[in-house]
Amino acid sequence: MASIKIAGDTSGEITISAPAVSGTNTLTLPANTGTIITSATAAADVPAPTQLSTASGSAPSYSARAWVNFQGTSTVTIRGSGNVTSITDHGTGDYTVNFTTAMPDVNYCGVALPNDGTAGTNLVIACENQTRTKTVSAFNIWTAYGGNGVNKNLYDVGTVNVSIFR
């Protein structure tokens, strides 16, 4: 069995051994400096932007660039989030989700899902706030019932879930 040894300055050495079975095997290294992930690498040891998706199949996978679950009533409170620093409450049913790291441009997709859970409440909807300009650092939404962006009935809901894709 043949092996290749790559020696580093002070970092030690890496041994790459030929497989125990015959055939062609290819190891592709990144062109830029980065982290190589192996099956023995624990997810906690891998920097967040490098973590692998669990998606399967041949269709491309697009991970969320930001997400948040927050309480939209009384004092707005973030329950859980990723790449979200805060929520700005502009009044009844009017929120801004502020990103920790900006999006590359404003061509991202923001999806919001409100959930009130109150019996007898009309259908609650969410839409992009059309009175504020979409930015790379924030996404604005309205939550409302029985209305739309023009004839809206803004409404604070118990749970608002937002996902940002790009």
Protein backbone atom coordinates (compact mmCIF):
# COMPACT_ATOMS: atom_id res chain seq x y z
CA MET A 1 0.00 0.00 0.00
CA ALA A 2 1.40 3.38 -1.00
CA SER A 3 1.04 6.58 0.96
CA ILE A 4 1.73 10.26 0.43
CA LYS A 5 3.08 12.42 3.22
CA ILE A 6 2.64 16.18 3.25
CA ALA A 7 4.86 17.95 5.76
CA GLY A 8 4.05 21.35 7.24
CA ASP A 9 6.30 23.93 8.87
CA THR A 10 5.20 23.69 12.50
CA SER A 11 1.85 22.01 12.06
CA GLY A 12 3.13 18.41 11.78
CA GLU A 13 2.31 16.08 8.94
CA ILE A 14 -0.70 14.55 7.25
CA THR A 15 -0.64 10.98 5.94
CA ILE A 16 -2.92 10.03 3.07
CA SER A 17 -2.96 6.26 2.54
CA ALA A 18 -4.23 4.35 -0.45
CA PRO A 19 -7.51 2.51 0.19
CA ALA A 20 -7.49 -1.18 1.08
CA VAL A 21 -9.50 -1.97 -2.06
CA SER A 22 -8.47 -1.33 -5.64
CA GLY A 23 -10.09 1.42 -7.68
CA THR A 24 -9.86 5.14 -8.23
CA ASN A 25 -10.41 7.46 -5.30
CA THR A 26 -10.14 11.24 -5.48
CA LEU A 27 -9.55 13.63 -2.60
CA THR A 28 -10.45 17.21 -3.53
CA LEU A 29 -9.01 19.97 -1.40
CA PRO A 30 -10.43 23.51 -1.34
CA ALA A 31 -8.71 26.12 -3.51
CA ASN A 32 -8.74 28.60 -0.64
CA THR A 33 -7.86 28.28 3.00
CA GLY A 34 -10.68 26.60 4.85
CA THR A 35 -11.77 23.71 6.99
CA ILE A 36 -11.85 20.17 5.63
CA ILE A 37 -14.74 18.26 7.14
CA THR A 38 -14.53 14.52 7.66
CA SER A 39 -17.02 12.11 9.16
CA ALA A 40 -14.96 12.22 12.36
CA THR A 41 -15.27 16.01 12.65
CA ALA A 42 -17.81 17.02 15.26
CA ALA A 43 -20.28 19.73 14.16
CA ALA A 44 -19.36 21.79 17.23
CA ASP A 45 -15.74 21.88 16.04
CA VAL A 46 -16.65 23.29 12.61
CA PRO A 47 -17.13 27.05 12.13
CA ALA A 48 -20.82 27.87 11.49
CA PRO A 49 -20.46 29.01 7.83
CA THR A 50 -18.76 25.71 6.98
CA GLN A 51 -21.25 23.29 8.53
CA LEU A 52 -22.73 20.80 6.10
CA SER A 53 -26.39 20.57 5.17
CA THR A 54 -28.29 17.37 5.83
CA ALA A 55 -30.11 17.68 2.50
CA SER A 56 -30.12 14.72 0.16
CA GLY A 57 -31.01 14.23 -3.48
CA SER A 58 -29.82 15.91 -6.65
CA ALA A 59 -31.61 19.28 -6.28
CA PRO A 60 -29.43 22.09 -4.89
CA SER A 61 -29.83 22.95 -1.22
CA TYR A 62 -30.27 26.56 -0.15
CA SER A 63 -29.85 27.17 3.54
CA ALA A 64 -31.48 30.01 5.41
CA ARG A 65 -29.16 33.02 5.78
CA ALA A 66 -31.12 34.20 8.83
CA TRP A 67 -34.08 33.04 10.91
CA VAL A 68 -35.94 34.13 14.02
CA ASN A 69 -38.84 33.06 16.21
CA PHE A 70 -40.12 35.96 18.31
CA GLN A 71 -43.02 36.98 20.50
CA GLY A 72 -44.90 39.76 18.74
CA THR A 73 -47.12 40.86 21.65
CA SER A 74 -46.35 43.12 24.62
CA THR A 75 -42.56 43.44 24.80
CA VAL A 76 -41.16 41.84 21.65
CA THR A 77 -38.86 38.99 22.69
CA ILE A 78 -36.64 36.76 20.54
CA ARG A 79 -37.12 33.10 21.50
CA GLY A 80 -34.51 31.71 19.09
CA SER A 81 -32.57 33.03 16.11
CA GLY A 82 -29.65 32.75 13.73
CA ASN A 83 -27.94 35.82 12.21
CA VAL A 84 -30.52 38.14 13.84
CA THR A 85 -29.41 40.77 16.36
CA SER A 86 -32.77 42.26 17.29
CA ILE A 87 -36.36 42.99 16.37
CA THR A 88 -37.55 46.59 16.12
CA ASP A 89 -41.20 47.04 17.09
CA HIS A 90 -42.68 50.02 15.18
CA GLY A 91 -46.16 49.57 16.65
CA THR A 92 -49.03 47.16 16.24
CA GLY A 93 -48.13 44.41 13.74
CA ASP A 94 -45.15 46.34 12.31
CA TYR A 95 -41.67 44.84 12.84
CA THR A 96 -38.13 45.01 11.49
CA VAL A 97 -35.83 41.98 11.70
CA ASN A 98 -32.22 43.24 12.00
CA PHE A 99 -29.41 40.98 10.69
CA THR A 100 -26.11 40.36 12.48
CA THR A 101 -24.29 39.94 9.16
CA ALA A 102 -25.72 41.82 6.17
CA MET A 103 -27.04 40.05 3.08
CA PRO A 104 -24.90 40.40 -0.08
CA ASP A 105 -27.68 42.45 -1.72
CA VAL A 106 -31.44 43.08 -1.40
CA ASN A 107 -32.39 40.21 -3.73
CA TYR A 108 -33.08 37.86 -0.83
CA CYS A 109 -36.39 36.17 -0.06
CA GLY A 110 -38.00 36.79 3.30
CA VAL A 111 -40.71 34.42 4.47
CA ALA A 112 -42.79 35.25 7.56
CA LEU A 113 -45.34 33.06 9.30
CA PRO A 114 -47.38 34.45 12.18
CA ASN A 115 -49.25 32.22 14.59
CA ASP A 116 -51.75 33.69 17.00
CA GLY A 117 -53.33 30.56 18.41
CA THR A 118 -56.30 32.49 19.77
CA ALA A 119 -59.64 30.79 19.22
CA GLY A 120 -62.02 32.86 17.11
CA THR A 121 -59.33 35.07 15.60
CA ASN A 122 -59.62 35.75 11.87
CA LEU A 123 -56.91 34.51 9.51
CA VAL A 124 -53.58 36.12 10.40
CA ILE A 125 -51.20 36.92 7.53
CA ALA A 126 -47.73 38.38 7.14
CA CYS A 127 -46.27 40.32 4.25
CA GLU A 128 -43.26 42.45 3.44
CA ASN A 129 -43.78 45.97 4.74
CA GLN A 130 -44.20 48.07 1.61
CA THR A 131 -43.73 51.45 3.31
CA ARG A 132 -40.10 50.82 4.33
CA THR A 133 -37.24 50.20 1.90
CA LYS A 134 -35.79 46.69 2.03
CA THR A 135 -32.10 46.82 3.00
CA VAL A 136 -29.16 44.40 3.20
CA SER A 137 -29.19 44.72 7.00
CA ALA A 138 -32.91 44.44 7.79
CA PHE A 139 -36.22 42.92 6.64
CA ASN A 140 -39.52 44.67 7.45
CA ILE A 141 -42.81 42.83 7.93
CA TRP A 142 -46.42 43.45 8.83
CA THR A 143 -48.69 40.98 10.59
CA ALA A 144 -52.38 41.54 10.02
CA TYR A 145 -55.76 39.81 9.93
CA GLY A 146 -58.43 39.95 7.27
CA GLY A 147 -56.57 42.51 5.16
CA ASN A 148 -53.73 43.01 2.75
CA GLY A 149 -50.88 45.49 2.20
CA VAL A 150 -53.32 48.25 1.23
CA ASN A 151 -56.35 47.55 3.43
CA LYS A 152 -54.46 46.09 6.36
CA ASN A 153 -55.72 45.43 9.87
CA LEU A 154 -52.37 45.35 11.66
CA TYR A 155 -52.32 42.92 14.55
CA ASP A 156 -49.75 41.79 17.15
CA VAL A 157 -49.43 38.00 17.19
CA GLY A 158 -48.04 35.69 19.84
CA THR A 159 -45.46 34.01 17.58
CA VAL A 160 -43.77 35.31 14.43
CA ASN A 161 -41.37 33.06 12.49
CA VAL A 162 -39.16 34.62 9.81
CA SER A 163 -36.69 32.90 7.44
CA ILE A 164 -34.38 34.68 5.01
CA PHE A 165 -33.02 32.88 1.92
CA ARG A 166 -30.47 34.07 -0.64
